[in-house]
N, C-alpha and C. Protein backbone atom coordinates (compact mmCIF):
# COMPACT_ATOMS: atom_id res chain seq x y z
N PRO A 1 -12.48 -3.33 -1.46
CA PRO A 1 -13.28 -2.59 -2.33
C PRO A 1 -13.27 -3.24 -3.85
N PRO A 2 -14.44 -3.11 -4.51
CA PRO A 2 -14.42 -3.79 -5.89
C PRO A 2 -13.21 -3.50 -6.78
N GLU A 3 -12.73 -2.26 -6.76
CA GLU A 3 -11.79 -1.77 -7.66
C GLU A 3 -10.39 -2.47 -7.35
N HIS A 4 -10.26 -3.00 -6.25
CA HIS A 4 -8.98 -3.66 -5.84
C HIS A 4 -9.04 -5.16 -5.95
N ARG A 5 -10.17 -5.66 -6.32
CA ARG A 5 -10.29 -7.22 -6.45
C ARG A 5 -9.43 -7.89 -7.45
N TYR A 6 -9.14 -7.22 -8.54
CA TYR A 6 -8.39 -7.55 -9.64
C TYR A 6 -6.94 -7.96 -9.02
N LYS A 7 -6.50 -7.08 -8.07
CA LYS A 7 -5.14 -7.33 -7.57
C LYS A 7 -5.01 -8.68 -6.72
N ASP A 8 -6.18 -9.00 -6.12
CA ASP A 8 -6.26 -10.26 -5.37
C ASP A 8 -6.22 -11.42 -6.38
N GLU A 9 -6.90 -11.25 -7.43
CA GLU A 9 -6.80 -12.38 -8.53
C GLU A 9 -5.39 -12.50 -9.13
N ILE A 10 -4.73 -11.37 -9.36
CA ILE A 10 -3.33 -11.52 -9.73
C ILE A 10 -2.49 -12.15 -8.83
N ALA A 11 -2.71 -11.81 -7.55
CA ALA A 11 -1.87 -12.52 -6.45
C ALA A 11 -2.10 -13.85 -6.29
N MET A 12 -3.37 -14.43 -6.55
CA MET A 12 -3.63 -15.82 -6.40
C MET A 12 -2.97 -16.51 -7.55
N LEU A 13 -2.94 -15.97 -8.78
CA LEU A 13 -2.28 -16.61 -9.90
C LEU A 13 -0.74 -16.61 -9.57
N GLU A 14 -0.20 -15.56 -9.10
CA GLU A 14 1.27 -15.52 -8.76
C GLU A 14 1.59 -16.59 -7.70
N LEU A 15 0.70 -16.80 -6.77
CA LEU A 15 0.88 -17.79 -5.65
C LEU A 15 0.86 -19.17 -6.23
N GLU A 16 -0.14 -19.43 -7.10
CA GLU A 16 -0.33 -20.65 -7.81
C GLU A 16 0.87 -21.08 -8.63
N ARG A 17 1.35 -20.15 -9.31
CA ARG A 17 2.42 -20.43 -10.30
C ARG A 17 3.92 -20.41 -9.69
N HIS A 18 4.07 -19.41 -8.68
CA HIS A 18 5.47 -19.37 -8.11
C HIS A 18 5.59 -19.66 -6.69
N GLY A 19 4.51 -19.76 -6.00
CA GLY A 19 4.61 -20.12 -4.60
C GLY A 19 4.72 -18.92 -3.73
N VAL A 20 4.82 -17.71 -4.24
CA VAL A 20 4.94 -16.44 -3.48
C VAL A 20 4.09 -15.38 -4.11
N VAL A 21 3.72 -14.42 -3.30
CA VAL A 21 3.11 -13.27 -3.72
C VAL A 21 4.00 -12.00 -3.34
N HIS A 22 4.57 -11.44 -4.28
CA HIS A 22 5.37 -10.20 -4.05
C HIS A 22 4.53 -9.15 -3.49
N PRO A 23 5.01 -8.33 -2.55
CA PRO A 23 4.26 -7.35 -1.83
C PRO A 23 3.59 -6.32 -2.85
N PHE A 24 2.28 -5.96 -2.62
CA PHE A 24 1.59 -5.10 -3.40
C PHE A 24 0.61 -4.31 -2.45
N GLU A 25 0.31 -3.02 -2.86
CA GLU A 25 -0.56 -2.20 -2.15
C GLU A 25 -1.98 -2.35 -2.69
N LYS A 26 -2.92 -2.27 -1.73
CA LYS A 26 -4.33 -2.09 -2.04
C LYS A 26 -5.02 -1.46 -0.80
N GLU A 27 -6.30 -1.39 -0.71
CA GLU A 27 -6.97 -0.97 0.35
C GLU A 27 -8.03 -2.09 0.92
N TYR A 28 -8.14 -2.07 2.18
CA TYR A 28 -9.29 -2.90 2.80
C TYR A 28 -10.35 -1.88 3.13
N GLN A 29 -11.58 -2.38 2.96
CA GLN A 29 -12.65 -1.56 3.40
C GLN A 29 -13.24 -2.14 4.64
N LEU A 30 -13.31 -1.39 5.77
CA LEU A 30 -13.79 -1.83 7.01
C LEU A 30 -15.29 -1.79 7.10
N ALA A 31 -15.86 -2.52 8.04
CA ALA A 31 -17.28 -2.58 8.18
C ALA A 31 -17.94 -1.28 8.29
N ASP A 32 -17.27 -0.22 8.80
CA ASP A 32 -17.93 1.04 8.87
C ASP A 32 -17.65 1.99 7.71
N GLY A 33 -17.09 1.32 6.63
CA GLY A 33 -16.88 2.05 5.32
C GLY A 33 -15.63 2.74 5.24
N ARG A 34 -14.79 2.78 6.29
CA ARG A 34 -13.50 3.47 6.10
C ARG A 34 -12.57 2.59 5.34
N ARG A 35 -11.67 3.22 4.57
CA ARG A 35 -10.69 2.48 3.83
C ARG A 35 -9.31 2.53 4.47
N VAL A 36 -8.68 1.45 4.46
CA VAL A 36 -7.19 1.35 5.15
C VAL A 36 -6.38 0.92 4.02
N PRO A 37 -5.19 1.75 3.71
CA PRO A 37 -4.14 1.34 2.82
C PRO A 37 -3.36 0.25 3.56
N VAL A 38 -3.03 -0.85 2.77
CA VAL A 38 -2.40 -2.02 3.25
C VAL A 38 -1.36 -2.50 2.22
N LEU A 39 -0.34 -3.15 2.79
CA LEU A 39 0.72 -3.89 1.92
C LEU A 39 0.46 -5.34 2.13
N VAL A 40 0.29 -6.12 1.08
CA VAL A 40 -0.08 -7.54 1.19
C VAL A 40 1.04 -8.38 0.54
N SER A 41 1.41 -9.51 1.15
CA SER A 41 2.30 -10.42 0.55
C SER A 41 1.94 -11.80 1.04
N GLY A 42 2.49 -12.81 0.41
CA GLY A 42 2.22 -14.25 0.86
C GLY A 42 3.16 -15.27 0.27
N ALA A 43 3.00 -16.51 0.83
CA ALA A 43 3.85 -17.45 0.35
C ALA A 43 3.10 -18.85 0.61
N ARG A 44 3.47 -19.82 -0.21
CA ARG A 44 2.92 -21.28 -0.02
C ARG A 44 3.82 -21.84 1.09
N VAL A 45 3.26 -22.38 2.04
CA VAL A 45 3.98 -23.05 3.19
C VAL A 45 4.05 -24.58 2.87
N THR A 46 2.90 -25.12 2.58
CA THR A 46 2.81 -26.58 2.16
C THR A 46 1.83 -26.55 1.04
N ALA A 47 1.58 -27.76 0.47
CA ALA A 47 0.60 -27.84 -0.68
C ALA A 47 -0.77 -27.18 -0.30
N ASP A 48 -1.14 -27.31 0.90
CA ASP A 48 -2.54 -26.81 1.26
C ASP A 48 -2.54 -25.72 2.14
N ARG A 49 -1.41 -25.15 2.54
CA ARG A 49 -1.27 -24.03 3.49
C ARG A 49 -0.53 -22.90 2.95
N HIS A 50 -1.13 -21.70 3.28
CA HIS A 50 -0.40 -20.47 2.78
C HIS A 50 -0.38 -19.44 3.89
N LEU A 51 0.66 -18.60 3.85
CA LEU A 51 0.90 -17.56 4.76
C LEU A 51 0.68 -16.25 4.04
N CYS A 52 -0.12 -15.34 4.72
CA CYS A 52 -0.38 -14.16 4.13
C CYS A 52 0.01 -12.99 5.15
N THR A 53 0.74 -11.92 4.80
CA THR A 53 0.87 -10.90 5.64
C THR A 53 0.16 -9.60 5.21
N VAL A 54 -0.30 -8.88 6.07
CA VAL A 54 -1.05 -7.58 5.73
C VAL A 54 -0.55 -6.55 6.70
N VAL A 55 -0.03 -5.46 6.17
CA VAL A 55 0.67 -4.41 7.06
C VAL A 55 -0.18 -3.06 6.68
N ASP A 56 -0.66 -2.54 7.82
CA ASP A 56 -1.44 -1.23 7.70
C ASP A 56 -0.48 -0.20 7.34
N LEU A 57 -0.76 0.59 6.24
CA LEU A 57 0.12 1.64 5.85
C LEU A 57 -0.39 3.01 6.15
N SER A 58 -1.33 3.08 7.07
CA SER A 58 -1.93 4.47 7.32
C SER A 58 -0.90 5.39 7.88
N GLY A 59 -0.06 4.91 8.65
CA GLY A 59 0.94 5.87 9.28
C GLY A 59 1.92 6.31 8.25
N VAL A 60 2.26 5.35 7.38
CA VAL A 60 3.30 5.70 6.30
C VAL A 60 2.65 6.68 5.38
N LYS A 61 1.42 6.37 4.90
CA LYS A 61 0.69 7.28 4.06
C LYS A 61 0.55 8.76 4.58
N HIS A 62 0.27 8.76 5.82
CA HIS A 62 0.16 10.11 6.58
C HIS A 62 1.50 10.82 6.54
N ALA A 63 2.50 10.17 6.81
CA ALA A 63 3.86 10.75 6.91
C ALA A 63 4.23 11.27 5.51
N GLU A 64 3.93 10.43 4.49
CA GLU A 64 4.29 10.88 3.12
C GLU A 64 3.63 12.12 2.69
N ALA A 65 2.18 12.20 3.20
CA ALA A 65 1.48 13.42 2.79
C ALA A 65 2.04 14.61 3.56
N ALA A 66 2.46 14.43 4.84
CA ALA A 66 2.99 15.53 5.63
C ALA A 66 4.34 16.00 4.99
N LEU A 67 5.16 14.97 4.56
CA LEU A 67 6.42 15.35 3.91
C LEU A 67 6.16 16.13 2.63
N ARG A 68 5.27 15.68 1.79
CA ARG A 68 4.87 16.48 0.59
C ARG A 68 4.49 17.87 0.84
N ALA A 69 3.64 18.04 1.84
CA ALA A 69 3.17 19.36 2.22
C ALA A 69 4.25 20.18 2.79
N SER A 70 5.17 19.58 3.46
CA SER A 70 6.41 20.36 3.99
C SER A 70 7.30 20.80 2.88
N GLU A 71 7.55 19.94 1.92
CA GLU A 71 8.32 20.26 0.70
C GLU A 71 7.75 21.35 0.00
N ASP A 72 6.44 21.29 -0.26
CA ASP A 72 5.72 22.38 -0.95
C ASP A 72 5.88 23.72 -0.27
N ARG A 73 5.76 23.79 1.01
CA ARG A 73 5.82 24.95 1.75
C ARG A 73 7.27 25.46 1.63
N LEU A 74 8.25 24.66 1.67
CA LEU A 74 9.70 25.06 1.61
C LEU A 74 9.98 25.59 0.20
N ARG A 75 9.46 24.91 -0.86
CA ARG A 75 9.62 25.40 -2.22
C ARG A 75 8.96 26.80 -2.41
N LEU A 76 7.81 26.92 -1.80
CA LEU A 76 7.12 28.25 -2.00
C LEU A 76 7.81 29.37 -1.27
N ALA A 77 8.48 28.98 -0.09
CA ALA A 77 9.25 30.02 0.78
C ALA A 77 10.47 30.28 -0.09
N VAL A 78 11.16 29.43 -0.70
CA VAL A 78 12.44 29.79 -1.41
C VAL A 78 12.09 30.43 -2.59
N GLU A 79 11.06 30.10 -3.32
CA GLU A 79 10.73 30.88 -4.54
C GLU A 79 10.25 32.21 -4.25
N GLY A 80 9.61 32.44 -3.13
CA GLY A 80 9.06 33.78 -2.79
C GLY A 80 10.17 34.66 -2.18
N ALA A 81 11.22 34.11 -1.70
CA ALA A 81 12.29 34.86 -1.12
C ALA A 81 13.16 35.66 -2.06
N GLY A 82 13.15 35.16 -3.27
CA GLY A 82 13.95 35.81 -4.32
C GLY A 82 15.38 35.27 -4.29
N MET A 83 15.77 34.67 -3.29
CA MET A 83 17.14 34.06 -3.31
C MET A 83 16.99 32.74 -2.55
N GLY A 84 18.02 31.75 -2.81
CA GLY A 84 17.82 30.46 -2.25
C GLY A 84 18.91 29.93 -1.40
């Protein structure tokens, strides 16, 4: 998506200057329009070869959202019980 392109530009500068791209999060937009959260990193292998890794974070993001919802339910239950 356009709002994430600046992250790619920063990563390319980091790769050029230091030979590595430290992991960063962004989204990929699929052909059907869906967005997928990903973790991207990379490194220079030779002068003209680079290695890039992309990890789908969909499961992680789903688990984080479920944990937040569970924590909210627990907090509300404790607050509503009058004792903790």
